[in-house]
Amino acid sequence: MRVFTPSEIAEHNQSKYLGVFVAAKYARELNMLPRDNLPLGEEKKLSTRALEAVTSGQVEYRLVRRRRLEME
């Protein structure tokens, strides 16, 4: 198991919280891929793969503001 420090996660992100949030979303996306198409090797957990990708800057993302539903 690899340990990721908060400063390591925040290095390529706006904050450590946003980095962990993006890694969690990316791990969910990796989970939906077929097992033979997974990147970064087979022996690592999806959360570890996602955190490695986020901390190395391989994952590009953008923040989108939520739309408010207007009441009719």
N, C-alpha and C. Protein backbone atom coordinates (compact mmCIF):
# COMPACT_ATOMS: atom_id res chain seq x y z
N MET A 1 0.84 -1.18 0.00
CA MET A 1 0.00 0.00 0.00
C MET A 1 0.89 1.24 0.00
N ARG A 2 0.58 2.17 -0.87
CA ARG A 2 1.35 3.41 -0.95
C ARG A 2 0.63 4.49 -0.17
N VAL A 3 1.38 5.31 0.54
CA VAL A 3 0.81 6.41 1.31
C VAL A 3 1.03 7.71 0.54
N PHE A 4 -0.03 8.47 0.36
CA PHE A 4 0.04 9.76 -0.33
C PHE A 4 -0.11 10.86 0.72
N THR A 5 0.82 11.79 0.74
CA THR A 5 0.76 12.90 1.70
C THR A 5 -0.16 13.99 1.15
N PRO A 6 -0.76 14.78 2.04
CA PRO A 6 -1.62 15.87 1.58
C PRO A 6 -0.89 16.85 0.65
N SER A 7 0.36 17.15 0.95
CA SER A 7 1.10 18.09 0.09
C SER A 7 1.36 17.49 -1.29
N GLU A 8 1.57 16.19 -1.34
CA GLU A 8 1.78 15.50 -2.61
C GLU A 8 0.52 15.54 -3.47
N ILE A 9 -0.63 15.40 -2.85
CA ILE A 9 -1.91 15.44 -3.58
C ILE A 9 -2.22 16.86 -4.03
N ALA A 10 -1.92 17.84 -3.20
CA ALA A 10 -2.22 19.24 -3.52
C ALA A 10 -1.27 19.83 -4.55
N GLU A 11 -0.16 19.16 -4.82
CA GLU A 11 0.85 19.70 -5.74
C GLU A 11 0.29 19.95 -7.14
N HIS A 12 -0.51 19.06 -7.68
CA HIS A 12 -1.06 19.20 -9.02
C HIS A 12 -2.54 19.59 -8.99
N ASN A 13 -3.05 19.99 -7.84
CA ASN A 13 -4.46 20.33 -7.69
C ASN A 13 -4.58 21.63 -6.91
N GLN A 14 -5.78 22.16 -6.87
CA GLN A 14 -6.01 23.40 -6.14
C GLN A 14 -5.92 23.19 -4.63
N SER A 15 -6.31 22.02 -4.18
CA SER A 15 -6.24 21.70 -2.75
C SER A 15 -6.18 20.19 -2.59
N LYS A 16 -5.83 19.75 -1.40
CA LYS A 16 -5.76 18.30 -1.16
C LYS A 16 -7.15 17.68 -1.21
N TYR A 17 -8.16 18.43 -0.80
CA TYR A 17 -9.53 17.90 -0.81
C TYR A 17 -10.02 17.70 -2.25
N LEU A 18 -9.73 18.67 -3.11
CA LEU A 18 -10.13 18.54 -4.50
C LEU A 18 -9.37 17.40 -5.17
N GLY A 19 -8.11 17.22 -4.83
CA GLY A 19 -7.33 16.12 -5.39
C GLY A 19 -7.89 14.76 -5.02
N VAL A 20 -8.30 14.61 -3.78
CA VAL A 20 -8.88 13.34 -3.33
C VAL A 20 -10.25 13.13 -3.99
N PHE A 21 -11.01 14.21 -4.13
CA PHE A 21 -12.32 14.12 -4.78
C PHE A 21 -12.17 13.68 -6.23
N VAL A 22 -11.23 14.26 -6.96
CA VAL A 22 -10.99 13.91 -8.35
C VAL A 22 -10.51 12.46 -8.45
N ALA A 23 -9.64 12.04 -7.54
CA ALA A 23 -9.15 10.67 -7.55
C ALA A 23 -10.29 9.68 -7.31
N ALA A 24 -11.22 10.02 -6.43
CA ALA A 24 -12.36 9.13 -6.17
C ALA A 24 -13.24 9.01 -7.41
N LYS A 25 -13.49 10.13 -8.08
CA LYS A 25 -14.28 10.09 -9.31
C LYS A 25 -13.56 9.28 -10.39
N TYR A 26 -12.24 9.45 -10.49
CA TYR A 26 -11.46 8.72 -11.49
C TYR A 26 -11.45 7.22 -11.18
N ALA A 27 -11.38 6.86 -9.90
CA ALA A 27 -11.41 5.44 -9.52
C ALA A 27 -12.75 4.81 -9.90
N ARG A 28 -13.84 5.57 -9.78
CA ARG A 28 -15.14 5.06 -10.21
C ARG A 28 -15.17 4.82 -11.71
N GLU A 29 -14.55 5.74 -12.46
CA GLU A 29 -14.49 5.57 -13.92
C GLU A 29 -13.64 4.35 -14.28
N LEU A 30 -12.51 4.16 -13.59
CA LEU A 30 -11.68 2.98 -13.83
C LEU A 30 -12.45 1.69 -13.53
N ASN A 31 -13.29 1.73 -12.51
CA ASN A 31 -14.06 0.56 -12.12
C ASN A 31 -15.06 0.16 -13.20
N MET A 32 -15.52 1.13 -14.00
CA MET A 32 -16.51 0.83 -15.03
C MET A 32 -15.86 0.28 -16.30
N LEU A 33 -14.53 0.40 -16.45
CA LEU A 33 -13.85 -0.12 -17.62
C LEU A 33 -13.77 -1.65 -17.55
N PRO A 34 -13.72 -2.28 -18.72
CA PRO A 34 -13.47 -3.73 -18.70
C PRO A 34 -12.11 -4.03 -18.08
N ARG A 35 -11.98 -5.13 -17.42
CA ARG A 35 -10.75 -5.47 -16.68
C ARG A 35 -9.51 -5.52 -17.57
N ASP A 36 -9.65 -5.90 -18.82
CA ASP A 36 -8.47 -5.99 -19.69
C ASP A 36 -8.01 -4.63 -20.23
N ASN A 37 -8.82 -3.57 -20.07
CA ASN A 37 -8.46 -2.24 -20.55
C ASN A 37 -7.93 -1.31 -19.47
N LEU A 38 -7.70 -1.80 -18.27
CA LEU A 38 -7.26 -0.94 -17.18
C LEU A 38 -5.80 -0.54 -17.34
N PRO A 39 -5.49 0.75 -17.17
CA PRO A 39 -4.09 1.21 -17.28
C PRO A 39 -3.33 0.97 -16.00
N LEU A 40 -2.03 1.15 -16.03
CA LEU A 40 -1.12 1.16 -14.88
C LEU A 40 -0.88 -0.21 -14.23
N GLY A 41 -1.20 -1.29 -14.87
CA GLY A 41 -0.91 -2.60 -14.28
C GLY A 41 -2.09 -3.22 -13.57
N GLU A 42 -2.03 -4.48 -13.34
CA GLU A 42 -3.15 -5.23 -12.78
C GLU A 42 -3.07 -5.41 -11.27
N GLU A 43 -1.92 -5.27 -10.66
CA GLU A 43 -1.76 -5.65 -9.26
C GLU A 43 -2.19 -4.56 -8.27
N LYS A 44 -2.40 -3.34 -8.72
CA LYS A 44 -2.72 -2.24 -7.80
C LYS A 44 -4.23 -2.05 -7.67
N LYS A 45 -4.64 -1.54 -6.51
CA LYS A 45 -6.04 -1.22 -6.30
C LYS A 45 -6.42 -0.01 -7.16
N LEU A 46 -7.70 0.11 -7.44
CA LEU A 46 -8.17 1.22 -8.27
C LEU A 46 -7.93 2.56 -7.60
N SER A 47 -8.10 2.63 -6.29
CA SER A 47 -7.88 3.90 -5.59
C SER A 47 -6.41 4.31 -5.64
N THR A 48 -5.50 3.34 -5.55
CA THR A 48 -4.08 3.64 -5.64
C THR A 48 -3.73 4.10 -7.05
N ARG A 49 -4.28 3.44 -8.05
CA ARG A 49 -4.03 3.85 -9.44
C ARG A 49 -4.54 5.27 -9.67
N ALA A 50 -5.72 5.58 -9.15
CA ALA A 50 -6.30 6.90 -9.35
C ALA A 50 -5.47 7.97 -8.64
N LEU A 51 -5.05 7.71 -7.42
CA LEU A 51 -4.23 8.69 -6.70
C LEU A 51 -2.88 8.89 -7.38
N GLU A 52 -2.29 7.83 -7.91
CA GLU A 52 -1.03 7.97 -8.63
C GLU A 52 -1.21 8.83 -9.87
N ALA A 53 -2.31 8.63 -10.59
CA ALA A 53 -2.57 9.41 -11.79
C ALA A 53 -2.82 10.88 -11.45
N VAL A 54 -3.54 11.15 -10.37
CA VAL A 54 -3.82 12.53 -9.98
C VAL A 54 -2.56 13.22 -9.48
N THR A 55 -1.76 12.54 -8.67
CA THR A 55 -0.56 13.18 -8.13
C THR A 55 0.53 13.38 -9.18
N SER A 56 0.51 12.59 -10.24
CA SER A 56 1.51 12.76 -11.29
C SER A 56 1.05 13.75 -12.37
N GLY A 57 -0.18 14.22 -12.28
CA GLY A 57 -0.69 15.19 -13.24
C GLY A 57 -1.22 14.57 -14.52
N GLN A 58 -1.46 13.28 -14.54
CA GLN A 58 -1.97 12.60 -15.73
C GLN A 58 -3.46 12.83 -15.95
N VAL A 59 -4.17 13.18 -14.91
CA VAL A 59 -5.62 13.38 -15.01
C VAL A 59 -5.89 14.87 -15.19
N GLU A 60 -6.57 15.21 -16.27
CA GLU A 60 -6.98 16.59 -16.51
C GLU A 60 -8.47 16.70 -16.19
N TYR A 61 -8.83 17.75 -15.50
CA TYR A 61 -10.23 17.95 -15.13
C TYR A 61 -10.52 19.43 -15.10
N ARG A 62 -11.82 19.75 -15.09
CA ARG A 62 -12.24 21.13 -14.92
C ARG A 62 -13.46 21.14 -14.02
N LEU A 63 -13.60 22.19 -13.28
CA LEU A 63 -14.74 22.34 -12.39
C LEU A 63 -15.90 22.98 -13.13
N VAL A 64 -17.07 22.41 -12.94
CA VAL A 64 -18.28 22.92 -13.58
C VAL A 64 -19.26 23.29 -12.48
N ARG A 65 -19.75 24.51 -12.53
CA ARG A 65 -20.73 24.92 -11.53
C ARG A 65 -22.04 24.18 -11.74
N ARG A 66 -22.67 23.84 -10.65
CA ARG A 66 -23.97 23.17 -10.73
C ARG A 66 -25.03 24.13 -11.21
N ARG A 67 -25.94 23.61 -12.00
CA ARG A 67 -27.09 24.42 -12.41
C ARG A 67 -28.16 24.29 -11.34
N ARG A 68 -28.73 25.38 -11.00
CA ARG A 68 -29.83 25.34 -10.04
C ARG A 68 -31.12 25.07 -10.79
N LEU A 69 -31.88 24.12 -10.26
CA LEU A 69 -33.18 23.84 -10.85
C LEU A 69 -34.16 24.90 -10.41
N GLU A 70 -34.82 25.50 -11.38
CA GLU A 70 -35.79 26.54 -11.05
C GLU A 70 -37.13 25.90 -10.73
N MET A 71 -37.75 26.38 -9.69
CA MET A 71 -39.06 25.88 -9.30
C MET A 71 -40.11 26.50 -10.21
N GLU A 72 -41.03 25.69 -10.67
CA GLU A 72 -42.08 26.17 -11.58
C GLU A 72 -43.27 26.66 -10.80
